[in-house]
Amino acid sequence: MVCCRFFVAGLAAFLSIHLSSGASAKDLEMLARVLIPAYMAQDFAALCGTQDAFYLSAELHDGIRSVAIYAQHVKKEVTIDISEQDAAQVRLTAADTARQVARQELYILAEQRSADPTDALKRWCERSAKPFILEIMNKHDEKHRQFDEIVERAKRAKR
């Protein structure tokens, strides 16, 4: 998949900078890591929605709104039962990372110097963003128990 070329390489460095708050940093890092894809899906859907008001409507009951609801659901699962200070830090790190990924993807698209920049974005939305969003949402549903176990382990280690 073309999407998110730099994501894996830059994630560890970015998280270590943003989550250097002491002994629990590793646990907060894990919580941020499981939240980042939800924020990425939400950012990508919002970006692609600027090109197509009905983006994802054929695939999801409420289109882009379904992605926002999914992201809110994951955010709640990841941050419930931790202090508001830690939750805010996890949310901020995940949101900043997702935003950085979206910016990098836009930068790569801009470098392609397409005759029609909006056409390049539309192609990216269809060929990269849409499969990413749908896969992230489907995997969350399919592997929800494993997701919950990862989140709970991170939270227990924190306490």
N, C-alpha and C. Protein backbone atom coordinates (compact mmCIF):
# COMPACT_ATOMS: atom_id res chain seq x y z
N MET A 1 0.85 -1.17 0.00
CA MET A 1 0.00 0.00 0.00
C MET A 1 0.90 1.24 0.00
N VAL A 2 0.54 2.21 -0.79
CA VAL A 2 1.32 3.42 -0.94
C VAL A 2 1.26 4.28 0.32
N CYS A 3 0.18 4.21 1.02
CA CYS A 3 -0.09 5.07 2.16
C CYS A 3 0.94 4.90 3.28
N CYS A 4 1.30 5.99 3.89
CA CYS A 4 2.03 6.00 5.16
C CYS A 4 3.44 5.45 5.05
N ARG A 5 4.18 5.89 4.08
CA ARG A 5 5.53 5.39 3.84
C ARG A 5 6.47 5.60 5.03
N PHE A 6 6.37 6.74 5.64
CA PHE A 6 7.33 7.05 6.69
C PHE A 6 6.83 6.65 8.07
N PHE A 7 5.60 6.23 8.16
CA PHE A 7 4.95 6.03 9.44
C PHE A 7 5.74 5.17 10.41
N VAL A 8 6.13 3.99 10.00
CA VAL A 8 6.82 3.07 10.91
C VAL A 8 8.19 3.63 11.31
N ALA A 9 8.92 4.15 10.34
CA ALA A 9 10.27 4.64 10.63
C ALA A 9 10.27 5.81 11.59
N GLY A 10 9.33 6.73 11.43
CA GLY A 10 9.34 7.93 12.25
C GLY A 10 8.61 7.80 13.57
N LEU A 11 7.79 6.79 13.71
CA LEU A 11 6.94 6.68 14.89
C LEU A 11 7.73 6.55 16.18
N ALA A 12 8.70 5.68 16.22
CA ALA A 12 9.44 5.45 17.46
C ALA A 12 10.14 6.71 17.94
N ALA A 13 10.80 7.41 17.03
CA ALA A 13 11.50 8.64 17.41
C ALA A 13 10.51 9.70 17.89
N PHE A 14 9.41 9.85 17.17
CA PHE A 14 8.41 10.85 17.52
C PHE A 14 7.83 10.56 18.90
N LEU A 15 7.48 9.31 19.16
CA LEU A 15 6.89 8.95 20.45
C LEU A 15 7.87 9.15 21.59
N SER A 16 9.13 8.82 21.38
CA SER A 16 10.09 8.96 22.46
C SER A 16 10.27 10.42 22.85
N ILE A 17 10.13 11.32 21.89
CA ILE A 17 10.23 12.75 22.19
C ILE A 17 9.00 13.22 22.95
N HIS A 18 7.81 12.83 22.49
CA HIS A 18 6.56 13.32 23.06
C HIS A 18 6.13 12.63 24.35
N LEU A 19 6.66 11.46 24.62
CA LEU A 19 6.23 10.73 25.80
C LEU A 19 7.39 10.48 26.77
N SER A 20 8.15 11.50 27.00
CA SER A 20 9.31 11.34 27.89
C SER A 20 9.00 11.89 29.27
N SER A 21 7.86 11.46 29.82
CA SER A 21 7.41 12.02 31.09
C SER A 21 7.80 11.18 32.30
N GLY A 22 8.70 10.24 32.16
CA GLY A 22 9.11 9.49 33.33
C GLY A 22 8.92 8.00 33.19
N ALA A 23 8.71 7.33 34.31
CA ALA A 23 8.69 5.88 34.37
C ALA A 23 7.57 5.25 33.55
N SER A 24 6.46 5.94 33.40
CA SER A 24 5.33 5.32 32.70
C SER A 24 5.36 5.59 31.20
N ALA A 25 6.43 6.18 30.66
CA ALA A 25 6.47 6.56 29.25
C ALA A 25 6.23 5.37 28.33
N LYS A 26 6.79 4.22 28.66
CA LYS A 26 6.61 3.05 27.80
C LYS A 26 5.14 2.67 27.70
N ASP A 27 4.42 2.73 28.80
CA ASP A 27 3.01 2.38 28.81
C ASP A 27 2.18 3.40 28.03
N LEU A 28 2.47 4.65 28.21
CA LEU A 28 1.77 5.69 27.46
C LEU A 28 2.10 5.58 25.97
N GLU A 29 3.32 5.20 25.68
CA GLU A 29 3.72 5.01 24.29
C GLU A 29 2.87 3.91 23.65
N MET A 30 2.67 2.82 24.33
CA MET A 30 1.85 1.74 23.78
C MET A 30 0.42 2.19 23.57
N LEU A 31 -0.13 2.94 24.51
CA LEU A 31 -1.48 3.44 24.35
C LEU A 31 -1.57 4.38 23.14
N ALA A 32 -0.58 5.23 22.98
CA ALA A 32 -0.56 6.14 21.82
C ALA A 32 -0.45 5.34 20.52
N ARG A 33 0.37 4.31 20.52
CA ARG A 33 0.55 3.49 19.30
C ARG A 33 -0.75 2.84 18.86
N VAL A 34 -1.55 2.38 19.80
CA VAL A 34 -2.80 1.74 19.39
C VAL A 34 -3.87 2.76 19.01
N LEU A 35 -3.69 4.02 19.40
CA LEU A 35 -4.63 5.07 19.06
C LEU A 35 -4.30 5.75 17.73
N ILE A 36 -3.05 5.78 17.36
CA ILE A 36 -2.62 6.49 16.15
C ILE A 36 -3.40 6.07 14.89
N PRO A 37 -3.58 4.79 14.61
CA PRO A 37 -4.31 4.44 13.38
C PRO A 37 -5.73 5.00 13.33
N ALA A 38 -6.41 5.10 14.46
CA ALA A 38 -7.75 5.68 14.48
C ALA A 38 -7.71 7.16 14.10
N TYR A 39 -6.74 7.86 14.63
CA TYR A 39 -6.57 9.27 14.26
C TYR A 39 -6.19 9.41 12.79
N MET A 40 -5.33 8.52 12.31
CA MET A 40 -4.96 8.58 10.90
C MET A 40 -6.19 8.36 10.02
N ALA A 41 -7.00 7.38 10.36
CA ALA A 41 -8.22 7.11 9.58
C ALA A 41 -9.11 8.35 9.58
N GLN A 42 -9.26 8.97 10.73
CA GLN A 42 -10.10 10.16 10.84
C GLN A 42 -9.53 11.32 10.01
N ASP A 43 -8.23 11.54 10.09
CA ASP A 43 -7.58 12.61 9.33
C ASP A 43 -7.69 12.36 7.83
N PHE A 44 -7.43 11.14 7.42
CA PHE A 44 -7.50 10.81 5.99
C PHE A 44 -8.93 10.98 5.47
N ALA A 45 -9.92 10.53 6.24
CA ALA A 45 -11.32 10.66 5.82
C ALA A 45 -11.71 12.13 5.70
N ALA A 46 -11.29 12.93 6.65
CA ALA A 46 -11.60 14.37 6.60
C ALA A 46 -10.95 15.01 5.38
N LEU A 47 -9.69 14.68 5.14
CA LEU A 47 -8.97 15.22 3.99
C LEU A 47 -9.65 14.81 2.69
N CYS A 48 -9.97 13.56 2.55
CA CYS A 48 -10.60 13.07 1.32
C CYS A 48 -12.03 13.59 1.19
N GLY A 49 -12.67 13.84 2.30
CA GLY A 49 -14.01 14.40 2.28
C GLY A 49 -14.06 15.80 1.69
N THR A 50 -12.93 16.50 1.71
CA THR A 50 -12.89 17.83 1.09
C THR A 50 -12.97 17.72 -0.43
N GLN A 51 -12.62 16.56 -0.97
CA GLN A 51 -12.67 16.33 -2.41
C GLN A 51 -13.97 15.68 -2.86
N ASP A 52 -14.62 15.00 -1.94
CA ASP A 52 -15.83 14.25 -2.29
C ASP A 52 -16.74 14.21 -1.07
N ALA A 53 -17.84 14.92 -1.14
CA ALA A 53 -18.76 15.01 0.00
C ALA A 53 -19.35 13.65 0.38
N PHE A 54 -19.32 12.70 -0.56
CA PHE A 54 -19.89 11.38 -0.31
C PHE A 54 -18.81 10.32 -0.13
N TYR A 55 -17.60 10.75 0.20
CA TYR A 55 -16.49 9.83 0.37
C TYR A 55 -16.84 8.77 1.42
N LEU A 56 -16.64 7.54 1.09
CA LEU A 56 -16.90 6.36 1.92
C LEU A 56 -18.38 6.05 2.12
N SER A 57 -19.26 6.79 1.49
CA SER A 57 -20.70 6.54 1.67
C SER A 57 -21.12 5.17 1.15
N ALA A 58 -20.48 4.70 0.09
CA ALA A 58 -20.84 3.39 -0.45
C ALA A 58 -20.34 2.26 0.45
N GLU A 59 -19.26 2.50 1.18
CA GLU A 59 -18.65 1.45 2.01
C GLU A 59 -19.14 1.46 3.46
N LEU A 60 -19.49 2.63 3.96
CA LEU A 60 -19.89 2.76 5.36
C LEU A 60 -21.26 3.42 5.45
N HIS A 61 -22.06 2.97 6.39
CA HIS A 61 -23.44 3.45 6.53
C HIS A 61 -23.52 4.98 6.59
N ASP A 62 -22.71 5.60 7.42
CA ASP A 62 -22.73 7.05 7.57
C ASP A 62 -21.53 7.73 6.93
N GLY A 63 -20.85 7.06 6.02
CA GLY A 63 -19.70 7.66 5.33
C GLY A 63 -18.63 8.14 6.29
N ILE A 64 -18.18 9.36 6.08
CA ILE A 64 -17.09 9.92 6.89
C ILE A 64 -17.49 9.99 8.37
N ARG A 65 -18.75 10.24 8.64
CA ARG A 65 -19.21 10.29 10.04
C ARG A 65 -18.93 8.97 10.75
N SER A 66 -19.02 7.86 10.05
CA SER A 66 -18.70 6.55 10.65
C SER A 66 -17.25 6.49 11.10
N VAL A 67 -16.37 7.11 10.34
CA VAL A 67 -14.95 7.11 10.71
C VAL A 67 -14.75 7.95 11.97
N ALA A 68 -15.41 9.08 12.05
CA ALA A 68 -15.30 9.93 13.25
C ALA A 68 -15.84 9.20 14.48
N ILE A 69 -16.94 8.48 14.32
CA ILE A 69 -17.51 7.71 15.43
C ILE A 69 -16.55 6.61 15.85
N TYR A 70 -15.97 5.93 14.87
CA TYR A 70 -14.98 4.88 15.16
C TYR A 70 -13.80 5.47 15.93
N ALA A 71 -13.26 6.60 15.47
CA ALA A 71 -12.10 7.21 16.13
C ALA A 71 -12.45 7.60 17.57
N GLN A 72 -13.63 8.14 17.77
CA GLN A 72 -14.06 8.51 19.12
C GLN A 72 -14.17 7.27 20.01
N HIS A 73 -14.69 6.19 19.46
CA HIS A 73 -14.82 4.92 20.19
C HIS A 73 -13.43 4.41 20.64
N VAL A 74 -12.48 4.41 19.72
CA VAL A 74 -11.13 3.92 20.05
C VAL A 74 -10.48 4.85 21.07
N LYS A 75 -10.65 6.14 20.90
CA LYS A 75 -10.08 7.12 21.84
C LYS A 75 -10.60 6.85 23.25
N LYS A 76 -11.87 6.58 23.36
CA LYS A 76 -12.47 6.29 24.67
C LYS A 76 -11.91 5.00 25.24
N GLU A 77 -11.84 3.96 24.42
CA GLU A 77 -11.31 2.68 24.90
C GLU A 77 -9.87 2.81 25.41
N VAL A 78 -9.08 3.58 24.71
CA VAL A 78 -7.65 3.69 25.04
C VAL A 78 -7.44 4.55 26.28
N THR A 79 -8.27 5.57 26.48
CA THR A 79 -7.98 6.52 27.56
C THR A 79 -8.86 6.39 28.79
N ILE A 80 -9.86 5.52 28.73
CA ILE A 80 -10.71 5.34 29.91
C ILE A 80 -9.88 4.69 31.02
N ASP A 81 -10.14 5.07 32.23
CA ASP A 81 -9.48 4.50 33.42
C ASP A 81 -8.01 4.88 33.56
N ILE A 82 -7.57 5.94 32.90
CA ILE A 82 -6.24 6.49 33.19
C ILE A 82 -6.45 7.96 33.54
N SER A 83 -5.48 8.56 34.18
CA SER A 83 -5.64 9.95 34.60
C SER A 83 -5.87 10.85 33.39
N GLU A 84 -6.55 11.95 33.61
CA GLU A 84 -6.82 12.89 32.51
C GLU A 84 -5.52 13.45 31.95
N GLN A 85 -4.54 13.65 32.80
CA GLN A 85 -3.24 14.15 32.33
C GLN A 85 -2.59 13.14 31.38
N ASP A 86 -2.58 11.88 31.75
CA ASP A 86 -2.02 10.84 30.89
C ASP A 86 -2.86 10.67 29.62
N ALA A 87 -4.19 10.70 29.77
CA ALA A 87 -5.07 10.56 28.61
C ALA A 87 -4.83 11.70 27.62
N ALA A 88 -4.70 12.91 28.13
CA ALA A 88 -4.46 14.05 27.25
C ALA A 88 -3.12 13.90 26.53
N GLN A 89 -2.13 13.40 27.23
CA GLN A 89 -0.82 13.21 26.61
C GLN A 89 -0.88 12.14 25.52
N VAL A 90 -1.58 11.05 25.78
CA VAL A 90 -1.73 9.98 24.79
C VAL A 90 -2.48 10.51 23.57
N ARG A 91 -3.59 11.21 23.80
CA ARG A 91 -4.38 11.76 22.69
C ARG A 91 -3.57 12.75 21.86
N LEU A 92 -2.85 13.62 22.54
CA LEU A 92 -2.05 14.63 21.83
C LEU A 92 -0.95 13.98 21.00
N THR A 93 -0.27 13.02 21.56
CA THR A 93 0.79 12.33 20.82
C THR A 93 0.24 11.60 19.61
N ALA A 94 -0.87 10.89 19.80
CA ALA A 94 -1.48 10.16 18.69
C ALA A 94 -1.97 11.12 17.61
N ALA A 95 -2.61 12.20 18.02
CA ALA A 95 -3.12 13.17 17.05
C ALA A 95 -1.97 13.85 16.31
N ASP A 96 -0.93 14.24 17.02
CA ASP A 96 0.23 14.88 16.37
C ASP A 96 0.90 13.94 15.38
N THR A 97 1.03 12.68 15.75
CA THR A 97 1.65 11.70 14.86
C THR A 97 0.81 11.50 13.61
N ALA A 98 -0.50 11.34 13.79
CA ALA A 98 -1.40 11.15 12.64
C ALA A 98 -1.37 12.36 11.73
N ARG A 99 -1.35 13.54 12.31
CA ARG A 99 -1.29 14.77 11.51
C ARG A 99 0.02 14.84 10.73
N GLN A 100 1.10 14.42 11.37
CA GLN A 100 2.41 14.40 10.71
C GLN A 100 2.40 13.43 9.52
N VAL A 101 1.77 12.29 9.68
CA VAL A 101 1.66 11.31 8.60
C VAL A 101 0.87 11.92 7.44
N ALA A 102 -0.27 12.55 7.74
CA ALA A 102 -1.09 13.16 6.69
C ALA A 102 -0.31 14.24 5.95
N ARG A 103 0.42 15.05 6.68
CA ARG A 103 1.24 16.10 6.04
C ARG A 103 2.30 15.48 5.13
N GLN A 104 2.92 14.43 5.59
CA GLN A 104 3.94 13.77 4.78
C GLN A 104 3.33 13.19 3.51
N GLU A 105 2.17 12.61 3.62
CA GLU A 105 1.49 12.07 2.43
C GLU A 105 1.16 13.19 1.45
N LEU A 106 0.69 14.33 1.96
CA LEU A 106 0.39 15.47 1.09
C LEU A 106 1.65 16.02 0.44
N TYR A 107 2.73 16.05 1.20
CA TYR A 107 4.01 16.51 0.66
C TYR A 107 4.45 15.61 -0.50
N ILE A 108 4.32 14.31 -0.32
CA ILE A 108 4.70 13.35 -1.37
C ILE A 108 3.82 13.56 -2.60
N LEU A 109 2.53 13.78 -2.39
CA LEU A 109 1.63 14.04 -3.51
C LEU A 109 2.02 15.33 -4.24
N ALA A 110 2.37 16.36 -3.49
CA ALA A 110 2.76 17.63 -4.10
C ALA A 110 4.03 17.50 -4.91
N GLU A 111 4.94 16.65 -4.48
CA GLU A 111 6.20 16.44 -5.20
C GLU A 111 5.98 15.76 -6.55
N GLN A 112 4.87 15.09 -6.71
CA GLN A 112 4.60 14.37 -7.97
C GLN A 112 4.33 15.33 -9.12
N ARG A 113 4.05 16.56 -8.82
CA ARG A 113 3.84 17.61 -9.83
C ARG A 113 2.87 17.18 -10.92
N SER A 114 1.76 16.67 -10.49
CA SER A 114 0.70 16.26 -11.42
C SER A 114 0.13 17.50 -12.10
N ALA A 115 -0.36 17.31 -13.32
CA ALA A 115 -0.99 18.42 -14.04
C ALA A 115 -2.20 18.93 -13.27
N ASP A 116 -2.88 18.04 -12.59
CA ASP A 116 -4.05 18.41 -11.79
C ASP A 116 -3.86 17.89 -10.36
N PRO A 117 -3.42 18.78 -9.44
CA PRO A 117 -3.16 18.33 -8.06
C PRO A 117 -4.38 17.70 -7.38
N THR A 118 -5.56 18.18 -7.70
CA THR A 118 -6.75 17.59 -7.07
C THR A 118 -6.98 16.17 -7.58
N ASP A 119 -6.59 15.91 -8.82
CA ASP A 119 -6.71 14.55 -9.37
C ASP A 119 -5.77 13.60 -8.62
N ALA A 120 -4.56 14.06 -8.32
CA ALA A 120 -3.61 13.23 -7.58
C ALA A 120 -4.16 12.91 -6.18
N LEU A 121 -4.75 13.90 -5.55
CA LEU A 121 -5.33 13.68 -4.21
C LEU A 121 -6.51 12.70 -4.30
N LYS A 122 -7.35 12.87 -5.29
CA LYS A 122 -8.49 11.96 -5.45
C LYS A 122 -8.01 10.52 -5.66
N ARG A 123 -6.97 10.34 -6.49
CA ARG A 123 -6.42 8.99 -6.70
C ARG A 123 -5.87 8.43 -5.40
N TRP A 124 -5.14 9.25 -4.65
CA TRP A 124 -4.58 8.81 -3.37
C TRP A 124 -5.71 8.40 -2.41
N CYS A 125 -6.77 9.20 -2.39
CA CYS A 125 -7.90 8.90 -1.52
C CYS A 125 -8.52 7.55 -1.86
N GLU A 126 -8.66 7.26 -3.13
CA GLU A 126 -9.26 6.00 -3.56
C GLU A 126 -8.32 4.81 -3.41
N ARG A 127 -7.07 5.00 -3.80
CA ARG A 127 -6.13 3.87 -3.87
C ARG A 127 -5.38 3.60 -2.57
N SER A 128 -5.21 4.61 -1.75
CA SER A 128 -4.43 4.43 -0.53
C SER A 128 -5.23 4.69 0.74
N ALA A 129 -5.84 5.87 0.82
CA ALA A 129 -6.52 6.23 2.07
C ALA A 129 -7.73 5.33 2.33
N LYS A 130 -8.56 5.12 1.33
CA LYS A 130 -9.77 4.31 1.52
C LYS A 130 -9.44 2.89 1.98
N PRO A 131 -8.52 2.19 1.30
CA PRO A 131 -8.19 0.84 1.79
C PRO A 131 -7.62 0.86 3.22
N PHE A 132 -6.81 1.87 3.51
CA PHE A 132 -6.25 1.98 4.87
C PHE A 132 -7.36 2.16 5.90
N ILE A 133 -8.25 3.10 5.65
CA ILE A 133 -9.34 3.39 6.59
C ILE A 133 -10.20 2.15 6.82
N LEU A 134 -10.61 1.53 5.74
CA LEU A 134 -11.49 0.36 5.86
C LEU A 134 -10.79 -0.80 6.55
N GLU A 135 -9.52 -1.00 6.24
CA GLU A 135 -8.78 -2.08 6.90
C GLU A 135 -8.62 -1.83 8.39
N ILE A 136 -8.28 -0.61 8.76
CA ILE A 136 -8.12 -0.28 10.18
C ILE A 136 -9.43 -0.52 10.94
N MET A 137 -10.51 -0.05 10.37
CA MET A 137 -11.81 -0.22 11.04
C MET A 137 -12.21 -1.69 11.10
N ASN A 138 -12.02 -2.42 10.02
CA ASN A 138 -12.36 -3.85 10.01
C ASN A 138 -11.50 -4.64 10.98
N LYS A 139 -10.20 -4.37 11.00
CA LYS A 139 -9.30 -5.10 11.91
C LYS A 139 -9.65 -4.82 13.36
N HIS A 140 -10.05 -3.59 13.65
CA HIS A 140 -10.44 -3.27 15.02
C HIS A 140 -11.64 -4.12 15.43
N ASP A 141 -12.60 -4.25 14.53
CA ASP A 141 -13.78 -5.08 14.82
C ASP A 141 -13.41 -6.56 14.93
N GLU A 142 -12.63 -7.05 13.96
CA GLU A 142 -12.27 -8.47 13.92
C GLU A 142 -11.39 -8.88 15.09
N LYS A 143 -10.51 -8.03 15.50
CA LYS A 143 -9.53 -8.37 16.53
C LYS A 143 -9.75 -7.55 17.80
N HIS A 144 -11.00 -7.25 18.09
CA HIS A 144 -11.31 -6.38 19.22
C HIS A 144 -10.82 -6.95 20.55
N ARG A 145 -10.95 -8.23 20.73
CA ARG A 145 -10.49 -8.83 21.99
C ARG A 145 -9.00 -8.63 22.18
N GLN A 146 -8.21 -8.86 21.12
CA GLN A 146 -6.76 -8.67 21.20
C GLN A 146 -6.42 -7.21 21.45
N PHE A 147 -7.16 -6.31 20.80
CA PHE A 147 -6.97 -4.88 21.01
C PHE A 147 -7.18 -4.53 22.49
N ASP A 148 -8.29 -5.01 23.04
CA ASP A 148 -8.60 -4.75 24.45
C ASP A 148 -7.51 -5.30 25.37
N GLU A 149 -6.98 -6.47 25.04
CA GLU A 149 -5.93 -7.07 25.87
C GLU A 149 -4.66 -6.22 25.85
N ILE A 150 -4.29 -5.71 24.69
CA ILE A 150 -3.10 -4.85 24.58
C ILE A 150 -3.29 -3.59 25.41
N VAL A 151 -4.46 -2.98 25.26
CA VAL A 151 -4.76 -1.74 25.99
C VAL A 151 -4.74 -2.00 27.50
N GLU A 152 -5.38 -3.07 27.93
CA GLU A 152 -5.43 -3.36 29.35
C GLU A 152 -4.05 -3.69 29.93
N ARG A 153 -3.23 -4.41 29.17
CA ARG A 153 -1.86 -4.68 29.64
C ARG A 153 -1.09 -3.39 29.82
N ALA A 154 -1.22 -2.48 28.90
CA ALA A 154 -0.53 -1.19 29.01
C ALA A 154 -1.03 -0.41 30.22
N LYS A 155 -2.31 -0.46 30.46
CA LYS A 155 -2.88 0.26 31.60
C LYS A 155 -2.47 -0.38 32.92
N ARG A 156 -2.47 -1.70 32.97
CA ARG A 156 -2.07 -2.38 34.22
C ARG A 156 -0.61 -2.13 34.53
N ALA A 157 0.23 -2.14 33.53
CA ALA A 157 1.66 -1.90 33.75
C ALA A 157 1.89 -0.49 34.26
N LYS A 158 1.00 0.40 33.91
CA LYS A 158 1.11 1.80 34.30
C LYS A 158 0.78 2.00 35.78
N ARG A 159 -0.15 1.24 36.27
CA ARG A 159 -0.64 1.45 37.65
C ARG A 159 0.36 1.10 38.68
